[in-house]
N, C-alpha and C. Protein backbone atom coordinates (compact mmCIF):
# COMPACT_ATOMS: atom_id res chain seq x y z
N MET A 1 39.03 19.21 -28.82
CA MET A 1 39.45 17.94 -28.19
C MET A 1 40.50 17.34 -29.15
N ALA A 2 41.51 16.85 -28.61
CA ALA A 2 42.61 16.27 -29.38
C ALA A 2 42.22 14.90 -29.98
N ASP A 3 43.01 14.48 -30.96
CA ASP A 3 42.74 13.19 -31.56
C ASP A 3 43.44 12.07 -30.82
N ARG A 4 44.11 12.36 -29.75
CA ARG A 4 44.74 11.41 -28.88
C ARG A 4 44.02 11.45 -27.55
N PRO A 5 43.90 10.25 -26.95
CA PRO A 5 43.25 10.28 -25.64
C PRO A 5 44.13 10.85 -24.57
N SER A 6 43.47 11.43 -23.55
CA SER A 6 44.16 11.86 -22.37
C SER A 6 44.71 10.65 -21.63
N GLY A 7 45.45 10.88 -20.59
CA GLY A 7 45.99 9.82 -19.79
C GLY A 7 44.90 8.94 -19.21
N ALA A 8 43.83 9.58 -18.62
CA ALA A 8 42.73 8.90 -18.04
C ALA A 8 41.93 8.12 -19.06
N GLN A 9 41.73 8.69 -20.22
CA GLN A 9 41.00 8.05 -21.29
C GLN A 9 41.75 6.82 -21.74
N LYS A 10 43.07 6.95 -21.98
CA LYS A 10 43.86 5.85 -22.51
C LYS A 10 43.93 4.72 -21.47
N ALA A 11 44.04 5.05 -20.20
CA ALA A 11 44.08 4.06 -19.15
C ALA A 11 42.77 3.29 -19.10
N TRP A 12 41.66 3.97 -19.26
CA TRP A 12 40.31 3.30 -19.29
C TRP A 12 40.21 2.35 -20.46
N LEU A 13 40.55 2.88 -21.64
CA LEU A 13 40.49 2.12 -22.86
C LEU A 13 41.41 0.89 -22.77
N ALA A 14 42.56 1.02 -22.28
CA ALA A 14 43.54 -0.07 -22.20
C ALA A 14 42.93 -1.24 -21.37
N ARG A 15 42.13 -0.98 -20.47
CA ARG A 15 41.59 -2.05 -19.58
C ARG A 15 40.59 -2.91 -20.38
N GLY A 16 40.16 -2.49 -21.53
CA GLY A 16 39.30 -3.33 -22.40
C GLY A 16 40.05 -4.26 -23.29
N LEU A 17 41.37 -4.02 -23.43
CA LEU A 17 42.08 -4.86 -24.34
C LEU A 17 42.09 -6.37 -24.08
N GLY A 18 42.17 -6.76 -22.84
CA GLY A 18 42.18 -8.13 -22.48
C GLY A 18 40.85 -8.74 -22.06
N GLN A 19 39.78 -7.97 -22.21
CA GLN A 19 38.49 -8.40 -21.78
C GLN A 19 37.68 -9.06 -22.89
N PRO A 20 36.85 -10.06 -22.62
CA PRO A 20 36.00 -10.59 -23.68
C PRO A 20 35.14 -9.54 -24.29
N GLY A 21 35.14 -9.44 -25.59
CA GLY A 21 34.38 -8.45 -26.32
C GLY A 21 34.87 -7.03 -26.17
N GLY A 22 35.98 -6.87 -25.51
CA GLY A 22 36.51 -5.52 -25.24
C GLY A 22 35.78 -4.76 -24.23
N LYS A 23 35.06 -5.46 -23.33
CA LYS A 23 34.29 -4.77 -22.29
C LYS A 23 35.10 -3.80 -21.50
N LEU A 24 34.60 -2.63 -21.34
CA LEU A 24 35.28 -1.60 -20.61
C LEU A 24 34.69 -1.52 -19.19
N PRO A 25 35.57 -1.29 -18.20
CA PRO A 25 35.09 -1.28 -16.79
C PRO A 25 34.22 -0.10 -16.41
N LEU A 26 33.36 -0.35 -15.48
CA LEU A 26 32.53 0.71 -14.93
C LEU A 26 33.27 1.47 -13.78
N PHE A 27 34.26 0.72 -13.20
CA PHE A 27 34.93 1.22 -12.05
C PHE A 27 36.45 1.16 -12.26
N ASP A 28 37.20 2.12 -11.61
CA ASP A 28 38.63 2.12 -11.79
C ASP A 28 39.26 1.12 -10.79
N GLU A 29 40.62 1.12 -10.78
CA GLU A 29 41.31 0.15 -9.94
C GLU A 29 41.08 0.43 -8.43
N GLN A 30 40.67 1.61 -8.05
CA GLN A 30 40.39 1.93 -6.66
C GLN A 30 38.94 1.75 -6.33
N GLY A 31 38.10 1.21 -7.20
CA GLY A 31 36.74 0.99 -6.97
C GLY A 31 35.80 2.16 -7.18
N GLN A 32 36.34 3.22 -7.74
CA GLN A 32 35.55 4.41 -7.99
C GLN A 32 34.92 4.30 -9.44
N ARG A 33 33.74 4.85 -9.57
CA ARG A 33 33.10 4.85 -10.91
C ARG A 33 34.01 5.68 -11.85
N VAL A 34 34.17 5.11 -13.08
CA VAL A 34 34.90 5.86 -14.12
C VAL A 34 34.05 7.12 -14.41
N SER A 35 34.74 8.21 -14.56
CA SER A 35 34.11 9.52 -14.88
C SER A 35 33.23 9.45 -16.15
N GLU A 36 32.01 9.90 -16.01
CA GLU A 36 31.12 9.91 -17.21
C GLU A 36 31.72 10.82 -18.27
N ARG A 37 32.46 11.82 -17.87
CA ARG A 37 33.11 12.72 -18.88
C ARG A 37 34.13 11.91 -19.67
N THR A 38 34.92 11.09 -19.02
CA THR A 38 35.87 10.25 -19.67
C THR A 38 35.20 9.32 -20.66
N ILE A 39 34.14 8.69 -20.23
CA ILE A 39 33.39 7.73 -21.02
C ILE A 39 32.78 8.43 -22.22
N ARG A 40 32.12 9.53 -22.01
CA ARG A 40 31.47 10.25 -23.14
C ARG A 40 32.46 10.75 -24.16
N ALA A 41 33.63 11.21 -23.68
CA ALA A 41 34.65 11.69 -24.61
C ALA A 41 35.14 10.60 -25.47
N CYS A 42 35.28 9.39 -24.97
CA CYS A 42 35.77 8.21 -25.74
C CYS A 42 34.63 7.80 -26.68
N LEU A 43 33.38 7.87 -26.24
CA LEU A 43 32.26 7.60 -27.16
C LEU A 43 32.28 8.53 -28.33
N ASP A 44 32.46 9.83 -28.07
CA ASP A 44 32.41 10.86 -29.05
C ASP A 44 33.51 10.71 -30.13
N LYS A 45 34.67 10.16 -29.67
CA LYS A 45 35.82 9.99 -30.62
C LYS A 45 35.71 8.66 -31.29
N GLY A 46 34.78 7.78 -30.96
CA GLY A 46 34.63 6.48 -31.62
C GLY A 46 35.58 5.46 -31.09
N TRP A 47 36.23 5.74 -29.94
CA TRP A 47 37.13 4.76 -29.33
C TRP A 47 36.40 3.71 -28.52
N ALA A 48 35.20 3.99 -28.14
CA ALA A 48 34.34 3.10 -27.37
C ALA A 48 32.94 3.24 -27.96
N GLU A 49 32.07 2.22 -27.67
CA GLU A 49 30.72 2.29 -28.07
C GLU A 49 29.86 1.63 -27.01
N PRO A 50 28.58 2.11 -26.90
CA PRO A 50 27.68 1.51 -25.95
C PRO A 50 27.48 0.02 -26.34
N TRP A 51 27.46 -0.84 -25.36
CA TRP A 51 27.38 -2.28 -25.58
C TRP A 51 25.94 -2.77 -25.34
N PHE A 52 25.45 -2.54 -24.16
CA PHE A 52 24.05 -2.93 -23.83
C PHE A 52 23.58 -2.09 -22.64
N ASP A 53 22.28 -2.06 -22.50
CA ASP A 53 21.68 -1.37 -21.38
C ASP A 53 21.67 -2.27 -20.15
N ASN A 54 21.94 -1.67 -19.03
CA ASN A 54 21.91 -2.41 -17.80
C ASN A 54 20.54 -2.14 -17.09
N PRO A 55 19.62 -3.11 -17.14
CA PRO A 55 18.27 -2.86 -16.58
C PRO A 55 18.29 -2.51 -15.05
N LEU A 56 19.30 -2.97 -14.36
CA LEU A 56 19.36 -2.69 -12.91
C LEU A 56 19.91 -1.30 -12.63
N LYS A 57 20.78 -0.80 -13.54
CA LYS A 57 21.38 0.48 -13.39
C LYS A 57 21.31 1.19 -14.72
N PRO A 58 20.15 1.71 -15.09
CA PRO A 58 19.98 2.29 -16.39
C PRO A 58 20.83 3.54 -16.69
N ASP A 59 21.33 4.14 -15.61
CA ASP A 59 22.20 5.36 -15.78
C ASP A 59 23.64 4.99 -16.04
N TRP A 60 24.04 3.72 -15.93
CA TRP A 60 25.40 3.30 -16.14
C TRP A 60 25.58 3.03 -17.61
N LEU A 61 26.73 3.52 -18.14
CA LEU A 61 27.06 3.28 -19.58
C LEU A 61 27.94 2.06 -19.67
N VAL A 62 27.43 0.95 -20.15
CA VAL A 62 28.15 -0.29 -20.31
C VAL A 62 28.68 -0.24 -21.76
N CYS A 63 30.06 -0.12 -21.91
CA CYS A 63 30.69 0.11 -23.17
C CYS A 63 31.70 -0.98 -23.47
N ARG A 64 32.09 -0.96 -24.74
CA ARG A 64 33.19 -1.84 -25.18
C ARG A 64 34.07 -1.04 -26.13
N LEU A 65 35.23 -1.56 -26.24
CA LEU A 65 36.30 -0.98 -27.06
C LEU A 65 35.94 -1.22 -28.57
N THR A 66 36.12 -0.23 -29.39
CA THR A 66 35.96 -0.32 -30.80
C THR A 66 37.24 -0.67 -31.49
N ASP A 67 37.17 -1.01 -32.77
CA ASP A 67 38.39 -1.28 -33.51
C ASP A 67 39.25 0.00 -33.56
N ARG A 68 38.61 1.15 -33.69
CA ARG A 68 39.36 2.43 -33.66
C ARG A 68 40.08 2.63 -32.27
N GLY A 69 39.36 2.24 -31.25
CA GLY A 69 40.01 2.32 -29.93
C GLY A 69 41.14 1.39 -29.77
N ARG A 70 41.03 0.15 -30.29
CA ARG A 70 42.19 -0.81 -30.27
C ARG A 70 43.37 -0.23 -31.05
N GLY A 71 43.10 0.47 -32.14
CA GLY A 71 44.12 1.05 -32.99
C GLY A 71 45.05 2.00 -32.21
N LEU A 72 44.55 2.58 -31.12
CA LEU A 72 45.36 3.52 -30.30
C LEU A 72 46.57 2.80 -29.70
N PHE A 73 46.51 1.46 -29.62
CA PHE A 73 47.50 0.69 -28.91
C PHE A 73 48.37 -0.07 -29.84
N ASP A 74 48.25 0.11 -31.16
CA ASP A 74 49.09 -0.61 -32.16
C ASP A 74 50.48 0.01 -32.25
């Protein structure tokens, strides 16, 4: 895996830049769930981190942007 995010990964991470706490979306602009593969790859690289568990949807990964993730946009 490269040290740079793919287009899909970078697009997802960018959406956290303007959100309180860097919250990353669960759904894309078309209302589709963000790919778990995209989310897990960003978690593995340290660009995102789990934020909290969703008791209503425990299988959903609620994540936020890390400082390392923000650094991709400097």
